Amino acid sequence: MDKITHLPRLAHIKNFPPNPIQMFKSILERVKAPHIFPMNLATLDNEFGVLNRTVIYRGLLDDSWICFVTERNSRKYQNLKENPKLGLTILFHPDARKVETKEILPETWQIRLLNAEAVELNDDQLKVLWQQEPLLAKIRSHICSCGKPNSTEELESRFEEQLAIMDREKREPEQTKSYTAFKIIPKYWDFYMSEPDAIADRVQYKQLESGEWQAYHVDA
């Protein structure tokens, strides 16, 4: 048998902080994440069973909880009001600088929130998020009812009506009653890191009854 070359190695997450929020922030900085990015959200649905979709990260509420925006006429809202349990996955795969070797190596980070629960934000928090919305999102909240069948002509009519109101009143659309957002409260954070030609490493955080976090390595 010829000598095996290009042997794999072990990826290793080093010097991880004691708190998962600190870990999350360090990864955002490491991968140079934008202010908003896609996340995969899975809920339980009476018709489809497990139902997943993409939502947009809207920041850390109170520097602690990942939050996302939705509409009260959406299926995900109905799912979460019937059962607030959910699963969330975030994937990053840019190049990141290896602190130990100063080399540029492509890294993949998968972040999962496990045994998590969604909690709807209060009116004051929603008002802040609404003010941050781009104009198209505000108009959409007025003219679209998520998942409801329509015709192109009907949607165009509602769109033109909103434009006319904006032009007449010289202001952007007011916050709708359907606009809402949730924060996600997990019992576990799971951080998976892989590199080329390397067996991946995982670090998991478990929340104890005291509220403190226990951090440990997990086989990938």
N, C-alpha and C. Protein backbone atom coordinates (compact mmCIF):
# COMPACT_ATOMS: atom_id res chain seq x y z
N MET A 1 0.84 -1.20 0.00
CA MET A 1 0.00 0.00 0.00
C MET A 1 0.88 1.25 0.00
N ASP A 2 0.59 2.18 -0.90
CA ASP A 2 1.35 3.41 -0.96
C ASP A 2 1.09 4.26 0.28
N LYS A 3 2.06 5.08 0.58
CA LYS A 3 1.93 5.95 1.74
C LYS A 3 0.79 6.95 1.51
N ILE A 4 -0.06 7.10 2.52
CA ILE A 4 -1.18 8.03 2.42
C ILE A 4 -0.66 9.45 2.62
N THR A 5 -0.99 10.29 1.67
CA THR A 5 -0.60 11.71 1.78
C THR A 5 -1.84 12.57 1.99
N HIS A 6 -1.61 13.83 2.22
CA HIS A 6 -2.69 14.80 2.45
C HIS A 6 -3.63 14.31 3.57
N LEU A 7 -3.02 13.95 4.68
CA LEU A 7 -3.81 13.47 5.81
C LEU A 7 -4.71 14.58 6.36
N PRO A 8 -5.90 14.23 6.79
CA PRO A 8 -6.78 15.25 7.39
C PRO A 8 -6.25 15.63 8.77
N ARG A 9 -6.82 16.63 9.32
CA ARG A 9 -6.45 17.08 10.66
C ARG A 9 -7.74 17.36 11.44
N LEU A 10 -7.57 17.77 12.66
CA LEU A 10 -8.72 18.08 13.50
C LEU A 10 -8.87 19.60 13.61
N ALA A 11 -10.03 20.10 13.26
CA ALA A 11 -10.34 21.49 13.56
C ALA A 11 -10.56 21.62 15.06
N HIS A 12 -10.27 22.78 15.60
CA HIS A 12 -10.40 22.94 17.04
C HIS A 12 -10.83 24.36 17.37
N ILE A 13 -11.95 24.48 18.04
CA ILE A 13 -12.43 25.78 18.52
C ILE A 13 -11.71 26.07 19.83
N LYS A 14 -10.89 27.10 19.84
CA LYS A 14 -10.07 27.40 21.00
C LYS A 14 -10.56 28.65 21.71
N ASN A 15 -10.32 28.68 23.00
CA ASN A 15 -10.53 29.88 23.82
C ASN A 15 -11.95 30.44 23.67
N PHE A 16 -12.93 29.54 23.69
CA PHE A 16 -14.30 30.03 23.58
C PHE A 16 -14.74 30.63 24.91
N PRO A 17 -15.54 31.69 24.86
CA PRO A 17 -15.95 32.39 26.08
C PRO A 17 -16.97 31.58 26.87
N PRO A 18 -17.24 31.96 28.11
CA PRO A 18 -18.18 31.21 28.95
C PRO A 18 -19.65 31.46 28.60
N ASN A 19 -19.92 32.50 27.80
CA ASN A 19 -21.30 32.88 27.50
C ASN A 19 -21.56 32.74 26.00
N PRO A 20 -22.69 32.13 25.58
CA PRO A 20 -22.94 31.92 24.16
C PRO A 20 -23.13 33.22 23.38
N ILE A 21 -23.63 34.28 24.02
CA ILE A 21 -23.79 35.55 23.32
C ILE A 21 -22.43 36.12 22.95
N GLN A 22 -21.47 35.99 23.86
CA GLN A 22 -20.11 36.44 23.55
C GLN A 22 -19.53 35.62 22.40
N MET A 23 -19.79 34.32 22.41
CA MET A 23 -19.34 33.46 21.33
C MET A 23 -19.97 33.87 20.01
N PHE A 24 -21.28 34.12 20.02
CA PHE A 24 -21.99 34.54 18.83
C PHE A 24 -21.43 35.84 18.28
N LYS A 25 -21.21 36.80 19.15
CA LYS A 25 -20.65 38.08 18.71
C LYS A 25 -19.26 37.92 18.12
N SER A 26 -18.46 37.05 18.72
CA SER A 26 -17.10 36.86 18.22
C SER A 26 -17.12 36.26 16.81
N ILE A 27 -18.08 35.37 16.55
CA ILE A 27 -18.19 34.78 15.21
C ILE A 27 -18.67 35.83 14.21
N LEU A 28 -19.65 36.65 14.58
CA LEU A 28 -20.10 37.71 13.70
C LEU A 28 -18.94 38.62 13.30
N GLU A 29 -18.10 38.93 14.26
CA GLU A 29 -16.94 39.77 13.98
C GLU A 29 -15.92 39.02 13.11
N ARG A 30 -15.72 37.76 13.42
CA ARG A 30 -14.73 36.95 12.71
C ARG A 30 -15.08 36.79 11.23
N VAL A 31 -16.35 36.57 10.94
CA VAL A 31 -16.77 36.35 9.55
C VAL A 31 -17.19 37.65 8.87
N LYS A 32 -17.08 38.75 9.61
CA LYS A 32 -17.47 40.05 9.07
C LYS A 32 -18.92 40.01 8.56
N ALA A 33 -19.79 39.55 9.42
CA ALA A 33 -21.20 39.41 9.06
C ALA A 33 -21.85 40.77 8.85
N PRO A 34 -22.77 40.88 7.91
CA PRO A 34 -23.52 42.13 7.73
C PRO A 34 -24.48 42.35 8.89
N HIS A 35 -25.11 43.53 8.93
CA HIS A 35 -26.03 43.84 10.02
C HIS A 35 -27.27 42.95 9.98
N ILE A 36 -27.71 42.58 8.79
CA ILE A 36 -28.83 41.65 8.65
C ILE A 36 -28.38 40.50 7.75
N PHE A 37 -28.89 39.30 8.01
CA PHE A 37 -28.52 38.13 7.23
C PHE A 37 -29.61 37.07 7.40
N PRO A 38 -29.66 36.08 6.48
CA PRO A 38 -30.73 35.07 6.55
C PRO A 38 -30.49 34.03 7.64
N MET A 39 -31.58 33.53 8.19
CA MET A 39 -31.56 32.45 9.17
C MET A 39 -32.66 31.47 8.77
N ASN A 40 -32.47 30.19 9.09
CA ASN A 40 -33.48 29.18 8.79
C ASN A 40 -34.27 28.89 10.06
N LEU A 41 -35.58 29.11 10.00
CA LEU A 41 -36.47 28.95 11.15
C LEU A 41 -37.40 27.78 10.91
N ALA A 42 -37.47 26.85 11.85
CA ALA A 42 -38.36 25.68 11.74
C ALA A 42 -39.39 25.73 12.87
N THR A 43 -40.66 25.53 12.48
CA THR A 43 -41.76 25.49 13.45
C THR A 43 -42.57 24.23 13.24
N LEU A 44 -43.52 23.98 14.12
CA LEU A 44 -44.45 22.86 13.97
C LEU A 44 -45.76 23.38 13.40
N ASP A 45 -46.23 22.70 12.35
CA ASP A 45 -47.43 23.13 11.64
C ASP A 45 -48.44 21.98 11.61
N ASN A 46 -49.71 22.29 11.85
CA ASN A 46 -50.74 21.25 11.90
C ASN A 46 -50.93 20.54 10.56
N GLU A 47 -50.68 21.24 9.45
CA GLU A 47 -50.88 20.65 8.13
C GLU A 47 -49.62 20.00 7.58
N PHE A 48 -48.48 20.67 7.70
CA PHE A 48 -47.25 20.22 7.06
C PHE A 48 -46.26 19.54 8.00
N GLY A 49 -46.57 19.46 9.28
CA GLY A 49 -45.63 18.89 10.23
C GLY A 49 -44.55 19.91 10.56
N VAL A 50 -43.28 19.53 10.37
CA VAL A 50 -42.19 20.48 10.55
C VAL A 50 -42.13 21.38 9.32
N LEU A 51 -42.18 22.68 9.53
CA LEU A 51 -42.21 23.64 8.43
C LEU A 51 -41.10 24.66 8.64
N ASN A 52 -40.20 24.77 7.64
CA ASN A 52 -39.10 25.72 7.77
C ASN A 52 -39.16 26.77 6.69
N ARG A 53 -38.51 27.91 6.97
CA ARG A 53 -38.44 29.02 6.02
C ARG A 53 -37.28 29.92 6.44
N THR A 54 -36.95 30.87 5.57
CA THR A 54 -35.89 31.81 5.85
C THR A 54 -36.47 33.08 6.45
N VAL A 55 -35.87 33.52 7.56
CA VAL A 55 -36.20 34.82 8.15
C VAL A 55 -34.91 35.63 8.23
N ILE A 56 -35.05 36.90 8.53
CA ILE A 56 -33.89 37.80 8.54
C ILE A 56 -33.52 38.20 9.96
N TYR A 57 -32.24 38.04 10.28
CA TYR A 57 -31.71 38.46 11.58
C TYR A 57 -31.84 39.97 11.71
N ARG A 58 -32.44 40.40 12.83
CA ARG A 58 -32.64 41.83 13.06
C ARG A 58 -31.92 42.33 14.31
N GLY A 59 -30.91 41.58 14.75
CA GLY A 59 -30.11 42.05 15.86
C GLY A 59 -30.36 41.28 17.15
N LEU A 60 -29.64 41.71 18.19
CA LEU A 60 -29.76 41.12 19.52
C LEU A 60 -30.57 42.05 20.42
N LEU A 61 -31.74 41.62 20.80
CA LEU A 61 -32.57 42.41 21.69
C LEU A 61 -31.99 42.38 23.09
N ASP A 62 -31.85 43.56 23.69
CA ASP A 62 -31.26 43.68 25.04
C ASP A 62 -29.90 43.00 25.12
N ASP A 63 -29.21 42.97 23.97
CA ASP A 63 -27.88 42.37 23.90
C ASP A 63 -27.90 40.90 24.31
N SER A 64 -29.05 40.23 24.13
CA SER A 64 -29.18 38.85 24.61
C SER A 64 -29.93 37.93 23.67
N TRP A 65 -30.95 38.41 22.96
CA TRP A 65 -31.85 37.52 22.25
C TRP A 65 -31.88 37.86 20.76
N ILE A 66 -31.64 36.86 19.92
CA ILE A 66 -31.80 37.02 18.48
C ILE A 66 -33.27 37.32 18.19
N CYS A 67 -33.53 38.28 17.32
CA CYS A 67 -34.92 38.57 16.98
C CYS A 67 -35.11 38.64 15.47
N PHE A 68 -36.36 38.47 15.05
CA PHE A 68 -36.74 38.53 13.64
C PHE A 68 -38.13 39.12 13.52
N VAL A 69 -38.43 39.65 12.35
CA VAL A 69 -39.69 40.32 12.08
C VAL A 69 -40.59 39.40 11.26
N THR A 70 -41.90 39.50 11.48
CA THR A 70 -42.85 38.77 10.66
C THR A 70 -44.18 39.53 10.65
N GLU A 71 -45.22 38.90 10.12
CA GLU A 71 -46.56 39.50 10.07
C GLU A 71 -47.53 38.59 10.81
N ARG A 72 -48.50 39.18 11.46
CA ARG A 72 -49.49 38.40 12.21
C ARG A 72 -50.44 37.61 11.29
N ASN A 73 -50.43 37.93 9.99
CA ASN A 73 -51.23 37.15 9.06
C ASN A 73 -50.42 36.05 8.37
N SER A 74 -49.19 35.80 8.86
CA SER A 74 -48.33 34.77 8.25
C SER A 74 -48.54 33.42 8.93
N ARG A 75 -48.14 32.38 8.23
CA ARG A 75 -48.26 31.03 8.78
C ARG A 75 -47.30 30.82 9.95
N LYS A 76 -46.12 31.42 9.87
CA LYS A 76 -45.16 31.24 10.96
C LYS A 76 -45.69 31.85 12.25
N TYR A 77 -46.41 32.99 12.13
CA TYR A 77 -46.99 33.60 13.32
C TYR A 77 -48.04 32.66 13.93
N GLN A 78 -48.88 32.11 13.08
CA GLN A 78 -49.89 31.17 13.56
C GLN A 78 -49.23 29.97 14.23
N ASN A 79 -48.18 29.44 13.61
CA ASN A 79 -47.45 28.32 14.20
C ASN A 79 -46.92 28.65 15.59
N LEU A 80 -46.29 29.83 15.70
CA LEU A 80 -45.63 30.19 16.95
C LEU A 80 -46.62 30.53 18.06
N LYS A 81 -47.79 31.03 17.70
CA LYS A 81 -48.80 31.29 18.71
C LYS A 81 -49.41 29.99 19.21
N GLU A 82 -49.51 28.98 18.33
CA GLU A 82 -50.05 27.69 18.74
C GLU A 82 -49.01 26.88 19.50
N ASN A 83 -47.75 27.00 19.09
CA ASN A 83 -46.65 26.29 19.74
C ASN A 83 -45.39 27.11 19.58
N PRO A 84 -44.93 27.79 20.65
CA PRO A 84 -43.79 28.70 20.52
C PRO A 84 -42.44 28.01 20.37
N LYS A 85 -42.41 26.66 20.44
CA LYS A 85 -41.15 25.95 20.28
C LYS A 85 -40.67 26.03 18.82
N LEU A 86 -39.36 26.20 18.64
CA LEU A 86 -38.81 26.34 17.29
C LEU A 86 -37.37 25.87 17.26
N GLY A 87 -36.84 25.74 16.05
CA GLY A 87 -35.42 25.50 15.82
C GLY A 87 -34.90 26.56 14.89
N LEU A 88 -33.68 27.03 15.12
CA LEU A 88 -33.09 28.07 14.28
C LEU A 88 -31.67 27.67 13.90
N THR A 89 -31.33 27.86 12.61
CA THR A 89 -29.99 27.57 12.12
C THR A 89 -29.47 28.77 11.34
N ILE A 90 -28.21 29.13 11.59
CA ILE A 90 -27.52 30.19 10.86
C ILE A 90 -26.25 29.59 10.27
N LEU A 91 -25.95 29.91 9.02
CA LEU A 91 -24.78 29.36 8.35
C LEU A 91 -23.92 30.49 7.81
N PHE A 92 -22.63 30.47 8.14
CA PHE A 92 -21.64 31.40 7.59
C PHE A 92 -20.53 30.58 6.95
N HIS A 93 -20.12 30.96 5.74
CA HIS A 93 -18.99 30.27 5.13
C HIS A 93 -18.07 31.23 4.37
N PRO A 94 -17.68 32.35 4.98
CA PRO A 94 -16.68 33.21 4.34
C PRO A 94 -15.27 32.79 4.71
N ASP A 95 -14.28 33.52 4.19
CA ASP A 95 -12.91 33.33 4.64
C ASP A 95 -12.74 34.05 5.97
N ALA A 96 -11.99 33.43 6.86
CA ALA A 96 -11.73 34.06 8.16
C ALA A 96 -10.25 33.93 8.49
N ARG A 97 -9.71 34.91 9.16
CA ARG A 97 -8.28 34.90 9.48
C ARG A 97 -8.03 34.02 10.70
N LYS A 98 -7.10 33.06 10.52
CA LYS A 98 -6.72 32.21 11.63
C LYS A 98 -5.77 32.97 12.54
N VAL A 99 -6.18 33.18 13.76
CA VAL A 99 -5.39 33.97 14.69
C VAL A 99 -4.06 33.28 14.97
N GLU A 100 -4.09 31.92 15.05
CA GLU A 100 -2.88 31.20 15.46
C GLU A 100 -1.79 31.24 14.38
N THR A 101 -2.15 31.15 13.12
CA THR A 101 -1.15 31.01 12.06
C THR A 101 -1.07 32.20 11.13
N LYS A 102 -2.01 33.14 11.27
CA LYS A 102 -2.09 34.30 10.39
C LYS A 102 -2.35 33.90 8.94
N GLU A 103 -2.90 32.70 8.71
CA GLU A 103 -3.24 32.27 7.37
C GLU A 103 -4.70 32.59 7.08
N ILE A 104 -5.01 32.75 5.80
CA ILE A 104 -6.39 32.92 5.40
C ILE A 104 -6.93 31.56 4.97
N LEU A 105 -7.87 31.02 5.72
CA LEU A 105 -8.47 29.72 5.41
C LEU A 105 -9.98 29.86 5.41
N PRO A 106 -10.63 29.21 4.46
CA PRO A 106 -12.10 29.25 4.47
C PRO A 106 -12.65 28.45 5.64
N GLU A 107 -13.51 29.06 6.42
CA GLU A 107 -14.17 28.41 7.55
C GLU A 107 -15.67 28.38 7.31
N THR A 108 -16.30 27.36 7.81
CA THR A 108 -17.75 27.30 7.83
C THR A 108 -18.21 27.26 9.28
N TRP A 109 -19.12 28.15 9.62
CA TRP A 109 -19.71 28.18 10.96
C TRP A 109 -21.20 27.92 10.84
N GLN A 110 -21.67 26.91 11.55
CA GLN A 110 -23.11 26.66 11.67
C GLN A 110 -23.50 26.91 13.13
N ILE A 111 -24.49 27.76 13.31
CA ILE A 111 -24.96 28.10 14.65
C ILE A 111 -26.40 27.66 14.76
N ARG A 112 -26.70 26.88 15.79
CA ARG A 112 -28.08 26.41 15.99
C ARG A 112 -28.56 26.79 17.38
N LEU A 113 -29.81 27.22 17.46
CA LEU A 113 -30.48 27.46 18.74
C LEU A 113 -31.45 26.32 18.96
N LEU A 114 -31.24 25.59 20.07
CA LEU A 114 -31.97 24.36 20.33
C LEU A 114 -32.85 24.50 21.57
N ASN A 115 -33.92 23.68 21.60
CA ASN A 115 -34.90 23.76 22.69
C ASN A 115 -35.26 25.23 22.94
N ALA A 116 -35.61 25.90 21.83
CA ALA A 116 -35.82 27.35 21.87
C ALA A 116 -37.31 27.68 21.85
N GLU A 117 -37.62 28.87 22.33
CA GLU A 117 -39.00 29.34 22.40
C GLU A 117 -39.06 30.78 21.88
N ALA A 118 -40.11 31.10 21.13
CA ALA A 118 -40.31 32.44 20.60
C ALA A 118 -41.21 33.25 21.51
N VAL A 119 -40.83 34.49 21.78
CA VAL A 119 -41.63 35.40 22.60
C VAL A 119 -41.86 36.67 21.79
N GLU A 120 -43.12 37.07 21.63
CA GLU A 120 -43.45 38.24 20.83
C GLU A 120 -42.99 39.51 21.55
N LEU A 121 -42.50 40.47 20.78
CA LEU A 121 -42.00 41.72 21.35
C LEU A 121 -43.17 42.64 21.72
N ASN A 122 -42.87 43.59 22.61
CA ASN A 122 -43.91 44.53 23.03
C ASN A 122 -44.02 45.70 22.04
N ASP A 123 -45.02 46.55 22.24
CA ASP A 123 -45.31 47.61 21.28
C ASP A 123 -44.15 48.59 21.11
N ASP A 124 -43.49 48.94 22.20
CA ASP A 124 -42.37 49.87 22.12
C ASP A 124 -41.23 49.29 21.29
N GLN A 125 -40.94 48.02 21.48
CA GLN A 125 -39.88 47.36 20.72
C GLN A 125 -40.24 47.27 19.24
N LEU A 126 -41.52 46.99 18.95
CA LEU A 126 -41.97 46.91 17.56
C LEU A 126 -41.86 48.27 16.87
N LYS A 127 -42.15 49.32 17.62
CA LYS A 127 -42.09 50.66 17.05
C LYS A 127 -40.67 50.99 16.58
N VAL A 128 -39.68 50.59 17.36
CA VAL A 128 -38.28 50.83 16.98
C VAL A 128 -37.93 50.06 15.71
N LEU A 129 -38.34 48.81 15.64
CA LEU A 129 -38.04 48.00 14.46
C LEU A 129 -38.75 48.55 13.22
N TRP A 130 -40.00 48.99 13.37
CA TRP A 130 -40.73 49.54 12.23
C TRP A 130 -40.00 50.76 11.65
N GLN A 131 -39.49 51.59 12.52
CA GLN A 131 -38.76 52.78 12.06
C GLN A 131 -37.52 52.42 11.26
N GLN A 132 -36.98 51.23 11.51
CA GLN A 132 -35.78 50.79 10.80
C GLN A 132 -36.09 50.12 9.46
N GLU A 133 -37.36 49.82 9.21
CA GLU A 133 -37.73 49.10 8.00
C GLU A 133 -37.53 49.96 6.76
N PRO A 134 -37.07 49.37 5.65
CA PRO A 134 -37.04 50.11 4.39
C PRO A 134 -38.46 50.38 3.92
N LEU A 135 -38.60 51.35 3.05
CA LEU A 135 -39.92 51.75 2.57
C LEU A 135 -40.67 50.58 1.93
N LEU A 136 -39.98 49.75 1.16
CA LEU A 136 -40.66 48.64 0.50
C LEU A 136 -41.31 47.69 1.50
N ALA A 137 -40.63 47.48 2.66
CA ALA A 137 -41.19 46.58 3.68
C ALA A 137 -42.44 47.19 4.31
N LYS A 138 -42.44 48.51 4.50
CA LYS A 138 -43.60 49.17 5.08
C LYS A 138 -44.80 49.09 4.13
N ILE A 139 -44.54 49.31 2.85
CA ILE A 139 -45.62 49.20 1.86
C ILE A 139 -46.13 47.77 1.79
N ARG A 140 -45.22 46.82 1.79
CA ARG A 140 -45.61 45.41 1.72
C ARG A 140 -46.52 45.04 2.88
N SER A 141 -46.22 45.54 4.08
CA SER A 141 -47.03 45.22 5.24
C SER A 141 -48.46 45.72 5.08
N HIS A 142 -48.62 46.79 4.29
CA HIS A 142 -49.95 47.35 4.05
C HIS A 142 -50.72 46.61 2.96
N ILE A 143 -50.02 46.11 1.95
CA ILE A 143 -50.74 45.60 0.77
C ILE A 143 -50.75 44.09 0.65
N CYS A 144 -49.93 43.38 1.45
CA CYS A 144 -49.83 41.93 1.31
C CYS A 144 -50.37 41.22 2.55
N SER A 145 -51.10 40.16 2.33
CA SER A 145 -51.55 39.26 3.39
C SER A 145 -50.91 37.91 3.11
N CYS A 146 -49.91 37.55 3.92
CA CYS A 146 -49.02 36.42 3.62
C CYS A 146 -49.79 35.14 3.27
N GLY A 147 -49.49 34.58 2.11
CA GLY A 147 -50.06 33.31 1.71
C GLY A 147 -51.45 33.38 1.12
N LYS A 148 -52.05 34.56 1.09
CA LYS A 148 -53.40 34.70 0.56
C LYS A 148 -53.35 34.81 -0.96
N PRO A 149 -54.15 34.02 -1.69
CA PRO A 149 -54.16 34.11 -3.16
C PRO A 149 -54.59 35.50 -3.62
N ASN A 150 -53.98 35.98 -4.72
CA ASN A 150 -54.38 37.27 -5.27
C ASN A 150 -54.13 37.27 -6.78
N SER A 151 -54.43 38.35 -7.41
CA SER A 151 -54.13 38.53 -8.82
C SER A 151 -53.14 39.68 -8.96
N THR A 152 -52.38 39.68 -10.06
CA THR A 152 -51.42 40.75 -10.29
C THR A 152 -52.12 42.10 -10.32
N GLU A 153 -53.29 42.16 -10.94
CA GLU A 153 -54.03 43.41 -11.04
C GLU A 153 -54.45 43.92 -9.67
N GLU A 154 -54.90 42.99 -8.82
CA GLU A 154 -55.33 43.38 -7.46
C GLU A 154 -54.16 43.93 -6.66
N LEU A 155 -53.00 43.25 -6.73
CA LEU A 155 -51.83 43.71 -5.98
C LEU A 155 -51.34 45.06 -6.50
N GLU A 156 -51.34 45.23 -7.82
CA GLU A 156 -50.91 46.51 -8.39
C GLU A 156 -51.85 47.64 -7.97
N SER A 157 -53.14 47.34 -7.87
CA SER A 157 -54.10 48.35 -7.44
C SER A 157 -53.83 48.79 -6.01
N ARG A 158 -53.58 47.82 -5.12
CA ARG A 158 -53.29 48.16 -3.72
C ARG A 158 -51.97 48.94 -3.62
N PHE A 159 -51.00 48.56 -4.44
CA PHE A 159 -49.71 49.24 -4.46
C PHE A 159 -49.86 50.69 -4.89
N GLU A 160 -50.58 50.92 -5.98
CA GLU A 160 -50.79 52.28 -6.48
C GLU A 160 -51.57 53.11 -5.46
N GLU A 161 -52.50 52.49 -4.76
CA GLU A 161 -53.26 53.19 -3.73
C GLU A 161 -52.36 53.68 -2.61
N GLN A 162 -51.43 52.83 -2.19
CA GLN A 162 -50.49 53.23 -1.14
C GLN A 162 -49.57 54.35 -1.61
N LEU A 163 -49.12 54.28 -2.84
CA LEU A 163 -48.28 55.36 -3.37
C LEU A 163 -49.04 56.68 -3.40
N ALA A 164 -50.33 56.61 -3.77
CA ALA A 164 -51.14 57.82 -3.81
C ALA A 164 -51.32 58.41 -2.41
N ILE A 165 -51.53 57.56 -1.40
CA ILE A 165 -51.67 58.03 -0.03
C ILE A 165 -50.38 58.70 0.44
N MET A 166 -49.24 58.08 0.14
CA MET A 166 -47.95 58.67 0.52
C MET A 166 -47.75 60.03 -0.13
N ASP A 167 -48.12 60.13 -1.40
CA ASP A 167 -47.95 61.39 -2.12
C ASP A 167 -48.87 62.46 -1.57
N ARG A 168 -50.08 62.09 -1.21
CA ARG A 168 -51.05 63.04 -0.69
C ARG A 168 -50.70 63.51 0.71
N GLU A 169 -50.26 62.56 1.57
CA GLU A 169 -49.99 62.90 2.98
C GLU A 169 -48.53 63.25 3.25
N LYS A 170 -47.69 63.08 2.23
CA LYS A 170 -46.27 63.45 2.34
C LYS A 170 -45.57 62.76 3.52
N ARG A 171 -45.83 61.48 3.67
CA ARG A 171 -45.18 60.71 4.73
C ARG A 171 -45.16 59.23 4.35
N GLU A 172 -44.30 58.50 5.03
CA GLU A 172 -44.23 57.05 4.82
C GLU A 172 -45.40 56.37 5.54
N PRO A 173 -45.73 55.14 5.15
CA PRO A 173 -46.86 54.44 5.76
C PRO A 173 -46.69 54.25 7.26
N GLU A 174 -47.79 54.34 7.99
CA GLU A 174 -47.76 54.10 9.43
C GLU A 174 -47.63 52.60 9.71
N GLN A 175 -47.22 52.29 10.92
CA GLN A 175 -47.07 50.89 11.32
C GLN A 175 -48.42 50.18 11.27
N THR A 176 -48.43 48.99 10.68
CA THR A 176 -49.67 48.22 10.56
C THR A 176 -49.92 47.38 11.82
N LYS A 177 -51.16 46.97 12.00
CA LYS A 177 -51.50 46.09 13.12
C LYS A 177 -50.95 44.68 12.91
N SER A 178 -50.66 44.34 11.67
CA SER A 178 -50.15 42.99 11.39
C SER A 178 -48.65 42.86 11.63
N TYR A 179 -47.95 43.97 11.69
CA TYR A 179 -46.49 43.96 11.85
C TYR A 179 -46.11 43.52 13.25
N THR A 180 -45.18 42.55 13.34
CA THR A 180 -44.74 42.09 14.66
C THR A 180 -43.34 41.49 14.57
N ALA A 181 -42.81 41.07 15.70
CA ALA A 181 -41.47 40.48 15.76
C ALA A 181 -41.38 39.60 17.00
N PHE A 182 -40.43 38.68 16.95
CA PHE A 182 -40.20 37.76 18.06
C PHE A 182 -38.73 37.77 18.47
N LYS A 183 -38.50 37.51 19.74
CA LYS A 183 -37.16 37.17 20.22
C LYS A 183 -37.13 35.67 20.47
N ILE A 184 -35.95 35.08 20.34
CA ILE A 184 -35.79 33.63 20.48
C ILE A 184 -34.99 33.34 21.74
N ILE A 185 -35.57 32.56 22.63
CA ILE A 185 -34.93 32.22 23.90
C ILE A 185 -34.58 30.73 23.89
N PRO A 186 -33.31 30.38 23.71
CA PRO A 186 -32.92 28.98 23.64
C PRO A 186 -32.39 28.45 24.97
N LYS A 187 -32.47 27.13 25.13
CA LYS A 187 -31.83 26.47 26.26
C LYS A 187 -30.43 25.98 25.89
N TYR A 188 -30.20 25.84 24.58
CA TYR A 188 -28.89 25.40 24.09
C TYR A 188 -28.48 26.27 22.90
N TRP A 189 -27.19 26.59 22.84
CA TRP A 189 -26.56 27.13 21.63
C TRP A 189 -25.55 26.09 21.15
N ASP A 190 -25.53 25.85 19.85
CA ASP A 190 -24.62 24.86 19.28
C ASP A 190 -23.80 25.53 18.17
N PHE A 191 -22.48 25.53 18.32
CA PHE A 191 -21.57 26.17 17.37
C PHE A 191 -20.70 25.10 16.70
N TYR A 192 -20.82 24.99 15.39
CA TYR A 192 -20.10 23.98 14.59
C TYR A 192 -19.14 24.72 13.67
N MET A 193 -17.85 24.33 13.69
CA MET A 193 -16.85 24.98 12.85
C MET A 193 -16.09 23.94 12.05
N SER A 194 -16.03 24.12 10.74
CA SER A 194 -15.27 23.21 9.89
C SER A 194 -14.32 24.00 9.00
N GLU A 195 -13.22 23.34 8.60
CA GLU A 195 -12.21 23.91 7.72
C GLU A 195 -11.89 22.89 6.64
N PRO A 196 -11.23 23.29 5.55
CA PRO A 196 -10.86 22.34 4.50
C PRO A 196 -9.96 21.23 5.04
N ASP A 197 -10.24 19.99 4.63
CA ASP A 197 -9.41 18.83 5.01
C ASP A 197 -9.30 18.67 6.52
N ALA A 198 -10.35 19.01 7.22
CA ALA A 198 -10.32 18.91 8.68
C ALA A 198 -11.63 18.32 9.18
N ILE A 199 -11.52 17.51 10.24
CA ILE A 199 -12.71 17.01 10.93
C ILE A 199 -13.23 18.13 11.82
N ALA A 200 -14.50 18.46 11.66
CA ALA A 200 -15.07 19.65 12.31
C ALA A 200 -15.10 19.51 13.83
N ASP A 201 -15.24 20.65 14.47
CA ASP A 201 -15.36 20.71 15.93
C ASP A 201 -16.67 21.42 16.27
N ARG A 202 -17.22 21.09 17.42
CA ARG A 202 -18.43 21.74 17.91
C ARG A 202 -18.26 22.13 19.37
N VAL A 203 -18.83 23.26 19.70
CA VAL A 203 -18.93 23.69 21.10
C VAL A 203 -20.41 23.95 21.37
N GLN A 204 -20.87 23.43 22.49
CA GLN A 204 -22.28 23.57 22.84
C GLN A 204 -22.39 24.26 24.21
N TYR A 205 -23.40 25.11 24.33
CA TYR A 205 -23.69 25.79 25.59
C TYR A 205 -25.05 25.32 26.08
N LYS A 206 -25.11 24.90 27.32
CA LYS A 206 -26.35 24.45 27.94
C LYS A 206 -26.67 25.37 29.11
N GLN A 207 -27.91 25.86 29.15
CA GLN A 207 -28.30 26.72 30.25
C GLN A 207 -28.72 25.88 31.45
N LEU A 208 -28.11 26.16 32.59
CA LEU A 208 -28.40 25.44 33.81
C LEU A 208 -29.60 26.07 34.52
N GLU A 209 -30.12 25.38 35.51
CA GLU A 209 -31.28 25.89 36.25
C GLU A 209 -30.97 27.22 36.93
N SER A 210 -29.71 27.44 37.25
CA SER A 210 -29.30 28.70 37.88
C SER A 210 -29.32 29.87 36.90
N GLY A 211 -29.44 29.57 35.60
CA GLY A 211 -29.38 30.60 34.57
C GLY A 211 -28.02 30.74 33.96
N GLU A 212 -27.00 30.16 34.59
CA GLU A 212 -25.65 30.20 34.05
C GLU A 212 -25.51 29.21 32.89
N TRP A 213 -24.43 29.38 32.10
CA TRP A 213 -24.21 28.53 30.94
C TRP A 213 -23.03 27.59 31.16
N GLN A 214 -23.22 26.34 30.76
CA GLN A 214 -22.15 25.35 30.79
C GLN A 214 -21.69 25.12 29.35
N ALA A 215 -20.39 25.29 29.10
CA ALA A 215 -19.83 25.16 27.75
C ALA A 215 -18.93 23.93 27.68
N TYR A 216 -19.00 23.21 26.55
CA TYR A 216 -18.22 21.98 26.40
C TYR A 216 -18.12 21.62 24.91
N HIS A 217 -17.08 20.85 24.58
CA HIS A 217 -16.91 20.35 23.22
C HIS A 217 -17.88 19.18 22.97
N VAL A 218 -18.32 19.03 21.72
CA VAL A 218 -19.20 17.95 21.29
C VAL A 218 -18.64 17.38 20.01
N ASP A 219 -18.66 16.04 19.85
CA ASP A 219 -18.24 15.46 18.58
C ASP A 219 -19.09 16.00 17.43
N ALA A 220 -18.42 16.30 16.32
CA ALA A 220 -19.14 16.82 15.14
C ALA A 220 -19.82 15.68 14.39
